[in-house]
């Protein structure tokens, strides 16, 4: 199946969800219980659990991504939607989080998929299109190309859906 591709002329901001078109697009594509793993300063109009390493953003969980994922696995927490919007590069990470680098993204991605309910989605924002990929059991279903115009390079919102497991077909 080919993913749906959407073009959107919208700005780029230090805080992703300060851009109203981006915020509305993400909110519209969330369903059920939502994990916002790098919540930042903006609250979304969805049923979200907010996690951030900075307590200044008043998250529900003030901790690193890796610690939250371990806690979620231990407590068997599951989500219908996961918003994956870490700082897009190391410079941004250090700039926005007082010099703290936000973790090893490959390890986080490998473990994050396990927190999704069956047929859940991950909404990723940044410069990559396929963040989680088929080998992690995900299928790319929608891509929004965000064109901030001018000299700022485009970025993407990718929506990947968890593929049914073999056990699902056997039952």
C-alpha atoms as a PDB file:
ATOM      1  CA  UNK A   1       0.000   0.000   0.000  1.00  0.00           C
ATOM      2  CA  UNK A   2       1.308   3.436  -0.904  1.00  0.00           C
ATOM      3  CA  UNK A   3       1.155   6.097   1.822  1.00  0.00           C
ATOM      4  CA  UNK A   4      -1.072   9.126   1.418  1.00  0.00           C
ATOM      5  CA  UNK A   5       1.085  12.212   0.757  1.00  0.00           C
ATOM      6  CA  UNK A   6      -0.033  15.677   1.837  1.00  0.00           C
ATOM      7  CA  UNK A   7       1.639  19.023   1.137  1.00  0.00           C
ATOM      8  CA  UNK A   8       1.253  21.758   3.726  1.00  0.00           C
ATOM      9  CA  UNK A   9       2.657  25.276   3.652  1.00  0.00           C
ATOM     10  CA  UNK A  10       3.296  26.039   7.323  1.00  0.00           C
ATOM     11  CA  UNK A  11       5.932  27.656   9.473  1.00  0.00           C
ATOM     12  CA  UNK A  12       8.693  26.168  11.534  1.00  0.00           C
ATOM     13  CA  UNK A  13       9.063  27.044  15.193  1.00  0.00           C
ATOM     14  CA  UNK A  14      11.390  26.276  18.051  1.00  0.00           C
ATOM     15  CA  UNK A  15       8.378  24.503  19.576  1.00  0.00           C
ATOM     16  CA  UNK A  16       6.768  22.248  16.976  1.00  0.00           C
ATOM     17  CA  UNK A  17       3.185  22.707  18.134  1.00  0.00           C
ATOM     18  CA  UNK A  18       3.376  26.508  18.133  1.00  0.00           C
ATOM     19  CA  UNK A  19       2.629  26.089  14.403  1.00  0.00           C
ATOM     20  CA  UNK A  20      -1.187  25.855  14.317  1.00  0.00           C
ATOM     21  CA  UNK A  21      -1.466  23.875  11.056  1.00  0.00           C
ATOM     22  CA  UNK A  22       0.984  21.270  12.339  1.00  0.00           C
ATOM     23  CA  UNK A  23      -0.728  21.092  15.716  1.00  0.00           C
ATOM     24  CA  UNK A  24      -4.194  20.638  14.163  1.00  0.00           C
ATOM     25  CA  UNK A  25      -2.912  17.968  11.742  1.00  0.00           C
ATOM     26  CA  UNK A  26      -1.358  15.958  14.570  1.00  0.00           C
ATOM     27  CA  UNK A  27      -4.405  16.318  16.835  1.00  0.00           C
ATOM     28  CA  UNK A  28      -6.718  15.220  13.991  1.00  0.00           C
ATOM     29  CA  UNK A  29      -4.637  12.053  13.464  1.00  0.00           C
ATOM     30  CA  UNK A  30      -4.498  11.039  17.132  1.00  0.00           C
ATOM     31  CA  UNK A  31      -6.910   8.415  18.399  1.00  0.00           C
ATOM     32  CA  UNK A  32      -7.633   7.006  21.844  1.00  0.00           C
ATOM     33  CA  UNK A  33      -4.973   7.175  24.530  1.00  0.00           C
ATOM     34  CA  UNK A  34      -1.978   9.261  23.417  1.00  0.00           C
ATOM     35  CA  UNK A  35       1.615   9.196  24.630  1.00  0.00           C
ATOM     36  CA  UNK A  36       3.416  12.471  23.938  1.00  0.00           C
ATOM     37  CA  UNK A  37       6.952  11.313  24.731  1.00  0.00           C
ATOM     38  CA  UNK A  38       8.775  14.650  24.260  1.00  0.00           C
ATOM     39  CA  UNK A  39       5.876  16.868  25.263  1.00  0.00           C
ATOM     40  CA  UNK A  40       7.569  20.270  25.390  1.00  0.00           C
ATOM     41  CA  UNK A  41       5.593  23.341  26.376  1.00  0.00           C
ATOM     42  CA  UNK A  42       2.384  22.823  24.383  1.00  0.00           C
ATOM     43  CA  UNK A  43      -0.591  20.805  25.586  1.00  0.00           C
ATOM     44  CA  UNK A  44      -2.532  19.166  22.786  1.00  0.00           C
ATOM     45  CA  UNK A  45      -6.316  18.804  22.623  1.00  0.00           C
ATOM     46  CA  UNK A  46      -6.162  15.011  22.879  1.00  0.00           C
ATOM     47  CA  UNK A  47      -6.223  12.448  25.691  1.00  0.00           C
ATOM     48  CA  UNK A  48      -2.455  12.677  26.233  1.00  0.00           C
ATOM     49  CA  UNK A  49       0.042  11.452  28.787  1.00  0.00           C
ATOM     50  CA  UNK A  50       2.853  14.021  28.681  1.00  0.00           C
ATOM     51  CA  UNK A  51       6.459  12.972  29.295  1.00  0.00           C
ATOM     52  CA  UNK A  52       9.412  15.354  29.282  1.00  0.00           C
ATOM     53  CA  UNK A  53      12.883  15.501  30.745  1.00  0.00           C
ATOM     54  CA  UNK A  54      12.255  19.141  31.703  1.00  0.00           C
ATOM     55  CA  UNK A  55       9.967  19.747  34.676  1.00  0.00           C
ATOM     56  CA  UNK A  56       9.506  23.315  33.411  1.00  0.00           C
ATOM     57  CA  UNK A  57       6.905  22.021  30.927  1.00  0.00           C
ATOM     58  CA  UNK A  58       4.778  20.473  33.714  1.00  0.00           C
ATOM     59  CA  UNK A  59       4.667  16.975  32.231  1.00  0.00           C
ATOM     60  CA  UNK A  60       2.688  14.130  33.758  1.00  0.00           C
ATOM     61  CA  UNK A  61       5.982  12.242  34.007  1.00  0.00           C
ATOM     62  CA  UNK A  62       9.197  14.188  34.559  1.00  0.00           C
ATOM     63  CA  UNK A  63      11.819  11.714  33.352  1.00  0.00           C
ATOM     64  CA  UNK A  64      13.875  10.610  30.376  1.00  0.00           C
ATOM     65  CA  UNK A  65      12.339   8.746  27.463  1.00  0.00           C
ATOM     66  CA  UNK A  66      14.249   5.559  28.301  1.00  0.00           C
ATOM     67  CA  UNK A  67      13.135   5.526  31.957  1.00  0.00           C
ATOM     68  CA  UNK A  68       9.509   6.155  30.971  1.00  0.00           C
ATOM     69  CA  UNK A  69       9.570   3.304  28.444  1.00  0.00           C
ATOM     70  CA  UNK A  70      11.006   0.910  31.078  1.00  0.00           C
ATOM     71  CA  UNK A  71       8.329   2.022  33.562  1.00  0.00           C
ATOM     72  CA  UNK A  72       5.581   1.562  30.933  1.00  0.00           C
ATOM     73  CA  UNK A  73       6.762  -1.951  30.076  1.00  0.00           C
ATOM     74  CA  UNK A  74       6.883  -2.863  33.773  1.00  0.00           C
ATOM     75  CA  UNK A  75       3.372  -1.465  34.402  1.00  0.00           C
ATOM     76  CA  UNK A  76       2.026  -2.813  31.074  1.00  0.00           C
ATOM     77  CA  UNK A  77       0.938   0.645  29.848  1.00  0.00           C
ATOM     78  CA  UNK A  78      -0.292   0.700  26.234  1.00  0.00           C
ATOM     79  CA  UNK A  79      -1.291   3.532  23.918  1.00  0.00           C
ATOM     80  CA  UNK A  80      -3.360   3.919  20.756  1.00  0.00           C
ATOM     81  CA  UNK A  81      -1.189   6.795  19.508  1.00  0.00           C
ATOM     82  CA  UNK A  82       2.395   7.769  20.253  1.00  0.00           C
ATOM     83  CA  UNK A  83       3.687  11.198  19.284  1.00  0.00           C
ATOM     84  CA  UNK A  84       7.398  10.970  18.568  1.00  0.00           C
ATOM     85  CA  UNK A  85       8.790  14.516  18.346  1.00  0.00           C
ATOM     86  CA  UNK A  86      12.258  14.578  19.911  1.00  0.00           C
ATOM     87  CA  UNK A  87      14.640  17.471  19.252  1.00  0.00           C
ATOM     88  CA  UNK A  88      15.492  17.000  15.576  1.00  0.00           C
ATOM     89  CA  UNK A  89      19.260  17.105  15.996  1.00  0.00           C
ATOM     90  CA  UNK A  90      21.905  17.203  18.720  1.00  0.00           C
ATOM     91  CA  UNK A  91      22.241  21.005  18.551  1.00  0.00           C
ATOM     92  CA  UNK A  92      18.512  21.458  19.158  1.00  0.00           C
ATOM     93  CA  UNK A  93      18.620  18.931  21.953  1.00  0.00           C
ATOM     94  CA  UNK A  94      21.351  20.836  23.757  1.00  0.00           C
ATOM     95  CA  UNK A  95      19.740  24.213  23.044  1.00  0.00           C
ATOM     96  CA  UNK A  96      16.234  23.305  24.265  1.00  0.00           C
ATOM     97  CA  UNK A  97      17.132  20.981  27.123  1.00  0.00           C
ATOM     98  CA  UNK A  98      19.946  22.837  28.868  1.00  0.00           C
ATOM     99  CA  UNK A  99      22.735  20.776  27.350  1.00  0.00           C
ATOM    100  CA  UNK A 100      21.086  17.414  28.016  1.00  0.00           C
ATOM    101  CA  UNK A 101      21.141  15.062  25.063  1.00  0.00           C
ATOM    102  CA  UNK A 102      17.822  13.251  24.938  1.00  0.00           C
ATOM    103  CA  UNK A 103      18.980   9.681  24.445  1.00  0.00           C
ATOM    104  CA  UNK A 104      19.864   7.098  21.897  1.00  0.00           C
ATOM    105  CA  UNK A 105      17.007   7.274  19.420  1.00  0.00           C
ATOM    106  CA  UNK A 106      17.548   3.827  17.837  1.00  0.00           C
ATOM    107  CA  UNK A 107      17.200   2.105  21.214  1.00  0.00           C
ATOM    108  CA  UNK A 108      14.164   4.231  22.068  1.00  0.00           C
ATOM    109  CA  UNK A 109      12.495   3.398  18.739  1.00  0.00           C
ATOM    110  CA  UNK A 110      13.155  -0.316  19.171  1.00  0.00           C
ATOM    111  CA  UNK A 111      11.387  -0.307  22.538  1.00  0.00           C
ATOM    112  CA  UNK A 112       8.664   2.263  21.864  1.00  0.00           C
ATOM    113  CA  UNK A 113       6.710   0.078  19.421  1.00  0.00           C
ATOM    114  CA  UNK A 114       6.009  -2.394  22.254  1.00  0.00           C
ATOM    115  CA  UNK A 115       3.898   0.299  23.967  1.00  0.00           C
ATOM    116  CA  UNK A 116       1.406   0.452  21.083  1.00  0.00           C
ATOM    117  CA  UNK A 117      -1.958  -1.268  21.201  1.00  0.00           C
ATOM    118  CA  UNK A 118      -2.862  -3.491  18.255  1.00  0.00           C
ATOM    119  CA  UNK A 119      -3.233  -1.293  15.125  1.00  0.00           C
ATOM    120  CA  UNK A 120      -1.946   1.755  17.033  1.00  0.00           C
ATOM    121  CA  UNK A 121      -0.110   4.573  15.264  1.00  0.00           C
ATOM    122  CA  UNK A 122       3.097   6.507  15.786  1.00  0.00           C
ATOM    123  CA  UNK A 123       3.127  10.107  14.588  1.00  0.00           C
ATOM    124  CA  UNK A 124       6.710  11.263  14.009  1.00  0.00           C
ATOM    125  CA  UNK A 125       7.918  14.772  13.291  1.00  0.00           C
ATOM    126  CA  UNK A 126      11.315  15.723  11.903  1.00  0.00           C
ATOM    127  CA  UNK A 127      13.583  15.316   8.908  1.00  0.00           C
ATOM    128  CA  UNK A 128      13.051  11.563   8.397  1.00  0.00           C
ATOM    129  CA  UNK A 129      10.073  10.025   6.631  1.00  0.00           C
ATOM    130  CA  UNK A 130      10.167   6.424   7.834  1.00  0.00           C
ATOM    131  CA  UNK A 131      11.172   6.572  11.470  1.00  0.00           C
ATOM    132  CA  UNK A 132      10.130   3.130  12.677  1.00  0.00           C
ATOM    133  CA  UNK A 133       9.864   1.003   9.537  1.00  0.00           C
ATOM    134  CA  UNK A 134       8.647  -2.428   8.538  1.00  0.00           C
ATOM    135  CA  UNK A 135      11.329  -4.286  10.480  1.00  0.00           C
ATOM    136  CA  UNK A 136       9.854  -2.838  13.678  1.00  0.00           C
ATOM    137  CA  UNK A 137       6.402  -4.010  12.568  1.00  0.00           C
ATOM    138  CA  UNK A 138       5.175  -0.636  11.322  1.00  0.00           C
ATOM    139  CA  UNK A 139       3.665   0.439   7.997  1.00  0.00           C
ATOM    140  CA  UNK A 140       3.908   3.994   6.670  1.00  0.00           C
ATOM    141  CA  UNK A 141       0.349   5.158   5.926  1.00  0.00           C
ATOM    142  CA  UNK A 142       0.559   8.970   5.677  1.00  0.00           C
ATOM    143  CA  UNK A 143       3.241  11.615   5.086  1.00  0.00           C
ATOM    144  CA  UNK A 144       2.764  15.362   5.397  1.00  0.00           C
ATOM    145  CA  UNK A 145       5.494  17.440   3.762  1.00  0.00           C
ATOM    146  CA  UNK A 146       5.711  20.707   5.657  1.00  0.00           C
ATOM    147  CA  UNK A 147       7.099  23.555   3.568  1.00  0.00           C
ATOM    148  CA  UNK A 148       8.131  26.489   5.784  1.00  0.00           C
ATOM    149  CA  UNK A 149       9.170  28.376   2.610  1.00  0.00           C
ATOM    150  CA  UNK A 150      12.270  30.463   2.231  1.00  0.00           C
ATOM    151  CA  UNK A 151      15.641  29.123   3.320  1.00  0.00           C
ATOM    152  CA  UNK A 152      14.329  26.727   5.964  1.00  0.00           C
ATOM    153  CA  UNK A 153      14.325  23.146   4.742  1.00  0.00           C
ATOM    154  CA  UNK A 154      11.106  21.133   4.661  1.00  0.00           C
ATOM    155  CA  UNK A 155      10.278  18.687   7.422  1.00  0.00           C
ATOM    156  CA  UNK A 156       7.859  15.794   7.677  1.00  0.00           C
ATOM    157  CA  UNK A 157       5.042  14.408   9.739  1.00  0.00           C
ATOM    158  CA  UNK A 158       4.917  10.644   9.255  1.00  0.00           C
ATOM    159  CA  UNK A 159       2.155   8.367  10.442  1.00  0.00           C
ATOM    160  CA  UNK A 160       3.044   4.704  10.784  1.00  0.00           C
ATOM    161  CA  UNK A 161       0.533   2.034  11.800  1.00  0.00           C
ATOM    162  CA  UNK A 162       1.360  -1.121  13.714  1.00  0.00           C
ATOM    163  CA  UNK A 163       0.887  -4.120  11.473  1.00  0.00           C
ATOM    164  CA  UNK A 164      -1.119  -7.072  12.780  1.00  0.00           C
ATOM    165  CA  UNK A 165       1.025  -9.789  14.296  1.00  0.00           C
ATOM    166  CA  UNK A 166       0.986 -13.392  13.131  1.00  0.00           C
ATOM    167  CA  UNK A 167      -0.830 -14.338  16.346  1.00  0.00           C
ATOM    168  CA  UNK A 168      -3.699 -12.046  15.273  1.00  0.00           C
ATOM    169  CA  UNK A 169      -4.189 -14.102  12.109  1.00  0.00           C
ATOM    170  CA  UNK A 170      -3.924 -17.429  13.973  1.00  0.00           C
ATOM    171  CA  UNK A 171      -6.683 -16.637  16.487  1.00  0.00           C
END
